[in-house]
């Protein structure tokens, strides 16, 4: 039986630890949409910036309900936060 934390991860998304530098659509703790699983790129800060602004342009057919963030300042803040998860 999965613990509550693992159950929430399966519902809401994969771990963000080390997302910068990780292959898109590839972690053992989350079932990605076919589009994300076949994306074929590594998450760089530039790719994350583009994805956060216009996700459907980066991964067409992805099933995640996220329409993007229009504010460059908010994207900068998110990337700064994500950097804290990388060694």
N, C-alpha and C. Protein backbone atom coordinates (compact mmCIF):
# COMPACT_ATOMS: atom_id res chain seq x y z
N UNK A 1 0.84 -1.18 0.00
CA UNK A 1 0.00 0.00 0.00
C UNK A 1 0.89 1.25 0.00
N UNK A 2 0.53 2.23 -0.83
CA UNK A 2 1.28 3.47 -0.90
C UNK A 2 0.95 4.37 0.27
N UNK A 3 1.93 5.16 0.70
CA UNK A 3 1.64 6.12 1.76
C UNK A 3 0.94 7.35 1.17
N UNK A 4 0.43 8.22 2.02
CA UNK A 4 -0.33 9.39 1.56
C UNK A 4 0.50 10.28 0.64
N UNK A 5 1.77 10.48 0.96
CA UNK A 5 2.64 11.32 0.14
C UNK A 5 2.79 10.74 -1.27
N UNK A 6 2.99 9.45 -1.36
CA UNK A 6 3.12 8.80 -2.67
C UNK A 6 1.81 8.88 -3.45
N UNK A 7 0.68 8.71 -2.76
CA UNK A 7 -0.62 8.81 -3.42
C UNK A 7 -0.83 10.21 -4.01
N UNK A 8 -0.49 11.24 -3.27
CA UNK A 8 -0.64 12.59 -3.77
C UNK A 8 0.26 12.84 -4.98
N UNK A 9 1.46 12.30 -4.96
CA UNK A 9 2.38 12.45 -6.08
C UNK A 9 1.77 11.85 -7.34
N UNK A 10 1.14 10.71 -7.21
CA UNK A 10 0.52 10.06 -8.37
C UNK A 10 -0.61 10.91 -8.94
N UNK A 11 -1.26 11.69 -8.11
CA UNK A 11 -2.38 12.52 -8.56
C UNK A 11 -1.89 13.86 -9.11
N UNK A 12 -1.00 14.52 -8.39
CA UNK A 12 -0.64 15.90 -8.71
C UNK A 12 0.60 16.08 -9.56
N UNK A 13 1.50 15.15 -9.57
CA UNK A 13 2.68 15.31 -10.41
C UNK A 13 3.91 14.69 -9.82
N UNK A 14 4.97 14.68 -10.61
CA UNK A 14 6.22 14.05 -10.18
C UNK A 14 7.00 14.94 -9.21
N UNK A 15 7.97 14.33 -8.57
CA UNK A 15 8.89 15.08 -7.70
C UNK A 15 9.61 16.15 -8.52
N UNK A 16 9.84 17.29 -7.91
CA UNK A 16 10.58 18.36 -8.58
C UNK A 16 12.08 18.32 -8.28
N UNK A 17 12.48 17.44 -7.37
CA UNK A 17 13.89 17.31 -7.05
C UNK A 17 14.68 16.97 -8.31
N UNK A 18 15.71 17.77 -8.58
CA UNK A 18 16.58 17.56 -9.74
C UNK A 18 15.86 17.61 -11.08
N UNK A 19 14.78 18.38 -11.17
CA UNK A 19 14.08 18.47 -12.45
C UNK A 19 14.97 19.13 -13.51
N UNK A 20 15.76 20.13 -13.11
CA UNK A 20 16.69 20.75 -14.05
C UNK A 20 17.80 19.74 -14.33
N UNK A 21 17.93 19.36 -15.60
CA UNK A 21 18.90 18.36 -15.99
C UNK A 21 18.32 16.96 -16.14
N UNK A 22 17.03 16.80 -15.84
CA UNK A 22 16.38 15.49 -15.93
C UNK A 22 15.68 15.34 -17.28
N UNK A 23 15.61 14.13 -17.76
CA UNK A 23 14.89 13.83 -18.99
C UNK A 23 13.40 14.08 -18.77
N UNK A 24 12.77 14.79 -19.69
CA UNK A 24 11.33 15.07 -19.59
C UNK A 24 10.55 13.77 -19.64
N UNK A 25 9.53 13.67 -18.78
CA UNK A 25 8.65 12.51 -18.78
C UNK A 25 9.27 11.24 -18.26
N UNK A 26 10.27 11.39 -17.39
CA UNK A 26 10.97 10.20 -16.92
C UNK A 26 11.30 10.28 -15.44
N UNK A 27 10.43 9.72 -14.61
CA UNK A 27 10.72 9.44 -13.20
C UNK A 27 9.95 8.17 -12.87
N UNK A 28 10.39 7.49 -11.86
CA UNK A 28 9.73 6.23 -11.51
C UNK A 28 8.49 6.43 -10.64
N UNK A 29 8.27 7.66 -10.16
CA UNK A 29 7.18 7.88 -9.21
C UNK A 29 5.94 8.52 -9.82
N UNK A 30 5.87 8.59 -11.15
CA UNK A 30 4.73 9.26 -11.77
C UNK A 30 4.46 8.67 -13.15
N UNK A 31 3.19 8.54 -13.50
CA UNK A 31 2.80 8.06 -14.82
C UNK A 31 2.50 9.27 -15.70
N UNK A 32 3.38 9.51 -16.66
CA UNK A 32 3.26 10.65 -17.55
C UNK A 32 2.32 10.36 -18.71
N UNK A 33 1.80 11.43 -19.31
CA UNK A 33 1.02 11.27 -20.54
C UNK A 33 1.96 10.75 -21.63
N UNK A 34 1.42 10.08 -22.63
CA UNK A 34 2.27 9.61 -23.73
C UNK A 34 3.07 10.75 -24.38
N UNK A 35 2.47 11.91 -24.54
CA UNK A 35 3.17 13.03 -25.16
C UNK A 35 4.40 13.44 -24.34
N UNK A 36 4.25 13.53 -23.02
CA UNK A 36 5.37 13.93 -22.17
C UNK A 36 6.41 12.81 -22.12
N UNK A 37 5.96 11.57 -22.04
CA UNK A 37 6.90 10.44 -21.97
C UNK A 37 7.75 10.35 -23.24
N UNK A 38 7.23 10.81 -24.36
CA UNK A 38 7.95 10.75 -25.63
C UNK A 38 8.57 12.10 -26.03
N UNK A 39 8.57 13.06 -25.12
CA UNK A 39 9.05 14.41 -25.44
C UNK A 39 10.50 14.42 -25.95
N UNK A 40 11.36 13.59 -25.36
CA UNK A 40 12.71 13.42 -25.88
C UNK A 40 13.69 14.55 -25.63
N UNK A 41 13.49 15.33 -24.59
CA UNK A 41 14.46 16.38 -24.27
C UNK A 41 14.79 16.37 -22.79
N UNK A 42 15.83 17.11 -22.45
CA UNK A 42 16.26 17.29 -21.06
C UNK A 42 15.74 18.65 -20.59
N UNK A 43 15.24 18.69 -19.36
CA UNK A 43 14.77 19.95 -18.80
C UNK A 43 15.95 20.85 -18.47
N UNK A 44 16.16 21.86 -19.27
CA UNK A 44 17.12 22.93 -18.97
C UNK A 44 16.32 24.12 -18.46
N UNK A 45 17.00 25.12 -17.94
CA UNK A 45 16.27 26.31 -17.51
C UNK A 45 15.58 26.99 -18.69
N UNK A 46 16.23 27.02 -19.84
CA UNK A 46 15.60 27.62 -21.02
C UNK A 46 14.36 26.84 -21.45
N UNK A 47 14.45 25.51 -21.42
CA UNK A 47 13.30 24.69 -21.82
C UNK A 47 12.17 24.85 -20.80
N UNK A 48 12.51 24.88 -19.52
CA UNK A 48 11.49 25.10 -18.49
C UNK A 48 10.84 26.47 -18.64
N UNK A 49 11.63 27.48 -18.93
CA UNK A 49 11.09 28.83 -19.13
C UNK A 49 10.08 28.83 -20.28
N UNK A 50 10.45 28.21 -21.38
CA UNK A 50 9.55 28.15 -22.53
C UNK A 50 8.30 27.35 -22.20
N UNK A 51 8.48 26.23 -21.49
CA UNK A 51 7.34 25.38 -21.11
C UNK A 51 6.39 26.11 -20.15
N UNK A 52 6.95 26.80 -19.17
CA UNK A 52 6.12 27.52 -18.21
C UNK A 52 5.32 28.63 -18.88
N UNK A 53 5.85 29.19 -19.95
CA UNK A 53 5.15 30.25 -20.69
C UNK A 53 4.08 29.67 -21.62
N UNK A 54 4.40 28.56 -22.31
CA UNK A 54 3.48 28.00 -23.31
C UNK A 54 3.64 26.48 -23.37
N UNK A 55 3.10 25.77 -22.39
CA UNK A 55 3.32 24.32 -22.31
C UNK A 55 2.89 23.53 -23.54
N UNK A 56 1.79 23.90 -24.15
CA UNK A 56 1.31 23.12 -25.29
C UNK A 56 2.17 23.30 -26.53
N UNK A 57 2.98 24.36 -26.57
CA UNK A 57 3.91 24.53 -27.68
C UNK A 57 5.16 23.67 -27.50
N UNK A 58 5.52 23.41 -26.25
CA UNK A 58 6.71 22.61 -25.96
C UNK A 58 6.39 21.12 -26.03
N UNK A 59 5.24 20.72 -25.48
CA UNK A 59 4.82 19.32 -25.48
C UNK A 59 3.36 19.24 -25.99
N UNK A 60 3.18 19.29 -27.30
CA UNK A 60 1.83 19.18 -27.84
C UNK A 60 1.19 17.85 -27.44
N UNK A 61 -0.05 17.89 -27.06
CA UNK A 61 -0.75 16.66 -26.68
C UNK A 61 -0.60 16.26 -25.23
N UNK A 62 0.17 17.03 -24.45
CA UNK A 62 0.32 16.73 -23.03
C UNK A 62 -1.04 16.88 -22.34
N UNK A 63 -1.32 16.02 -21.38
CA UNK A 63 -2.62 16.01 -20.73
C UNK A 63 -2.71 16.88 -19.48
N UNK A 64 -1.59 17.46 -19.04
CA UNK A 64 -1.61 18.27 -17.83
C UNK A 64 -2.41 19.54 -18.07
N UNK A 65 -3.30 19.87 -17.15
CA UNK A 65 -4.10 21.09 -17.25
C UNK A 65 -3.29 22.27 -16.74
N UNK A 66 -2.60 22.89 -17.63
CA UNK A 66 -1.77 24.05 -17.30
C UNK A 66 -1.66 24.90 -18.56
N UNK A 67 -2.13 26.15 -18.49
CA UNK A 67 -2.19 26.98 -19.68
C UNK A 67 -0.99 27.91 -19.82
N UNK A 68 -0.13 27.95 -18.85
CA UNK A 68 1.06 28.78 -18.94
C UNK A 68 1.02 29.98 -18.00
N UNK A 69 2.17 30.61 -17.87
CA UNK A 69 2.34 31.78 -17.00
C UNK A 69 2.85 32.92 -17.88
N UNK A 70 2.18 34.03 -17.87
CA UNK A 70 2.55 35.16 -18.72
C UNK A 70 3.60 36.08 -18.12
N UNK A 71 3.82 36.00 -16.82
CA UNK A 71 4.73 36.92 -16.14
C UNK A 71 6.16 36.35 -16.11
N UNK A 72 7.08 37.10 -16.73
CA UNK A 72 8.49 36.68 -16.69
C UNK A 72 9.02 36.67 -15.27
N UNK A 73 8.56 37.59 -14.44
CA UNK A 73 9.00 37.64 -13.03
C UNK A 73 8.55 36.38 -12.28
N UNK A 74 7.32 35.95 -12.51
CA UNK A 74 6.85 34.72 -11.86
C UNK A 74 7.64 33.51 -12.34
N UNK A 75 7.95 33.46 -13.62
CA UNK A 75 8.75 32.36 -14.15
C UNK A 75 10.16 32.39 -13.55
N UNK A 76 10.75 33.58 -13.44
CA UNK A 76 12.07 33.71 -12.78
C UNK A 76 12.01 33.17 -11.36
N UNK A 77 10.95 33.51 -10.63
CA UNK A 77 10.79 33.04 -9.25
C UNK A 77 10.65 31.52 -9.19
N UNK A 78 9.89 30.95 -10.10
CA UNK A 78 9.72 29.49 -10.13
C UNK A 78 11.04 28.81 -10.43
N UNK A 79 11.79 29.33 -11.40
CA UNK A 79 13.09 28.73 -11.72
C UNK A 79 14.06 28.85 -10.55
N UNK A 80 14.04 29.96 -9.85
CA UNK A 80 14.88 30.12 -8.66
C UNK A 80 14.50 29.08 -7.61
N UNK A 81 13.21 28.86 -7.43
CA UNK A 81 12.74 27.83 -6.49
C UNK A 81 13.19 26.44 -6.93
N UNK A 82 13.03 26.13 -8.20
CA UNK A 82 13.43 24.80 -8.69
C UNK A 82 14.93 24.57 -8.54
N UNK A 83 15.73 25.63 -8.68
CA UNK A 83 17.19 25.50 -8.49
C UNK A 83 17.54 25.03 -7.09
N UNK A 84 16.67 25.33 -6.10
CA UNK A 84 16.96 24.93 -4.73
C UNK A 84 16.88 23.41 -4.57
N UNK A 85 16.26 22.71 -5.50
CA UNK A 85 16.14 21.25 -5.44
C UNK A 85 17.32 20.55 -6.11
N UNK A 86 18.17 21.27 -6.81
CA UNK A 86 19.30 20.66 -7.49
C UNK A 86 20.55 20.80 -6.62
N UNK A 87 21.40 19.78 -6.66
CA UNK A 87 22.62 19.83 -5.84
C UNK A 87 23.58 20.91 -6.31
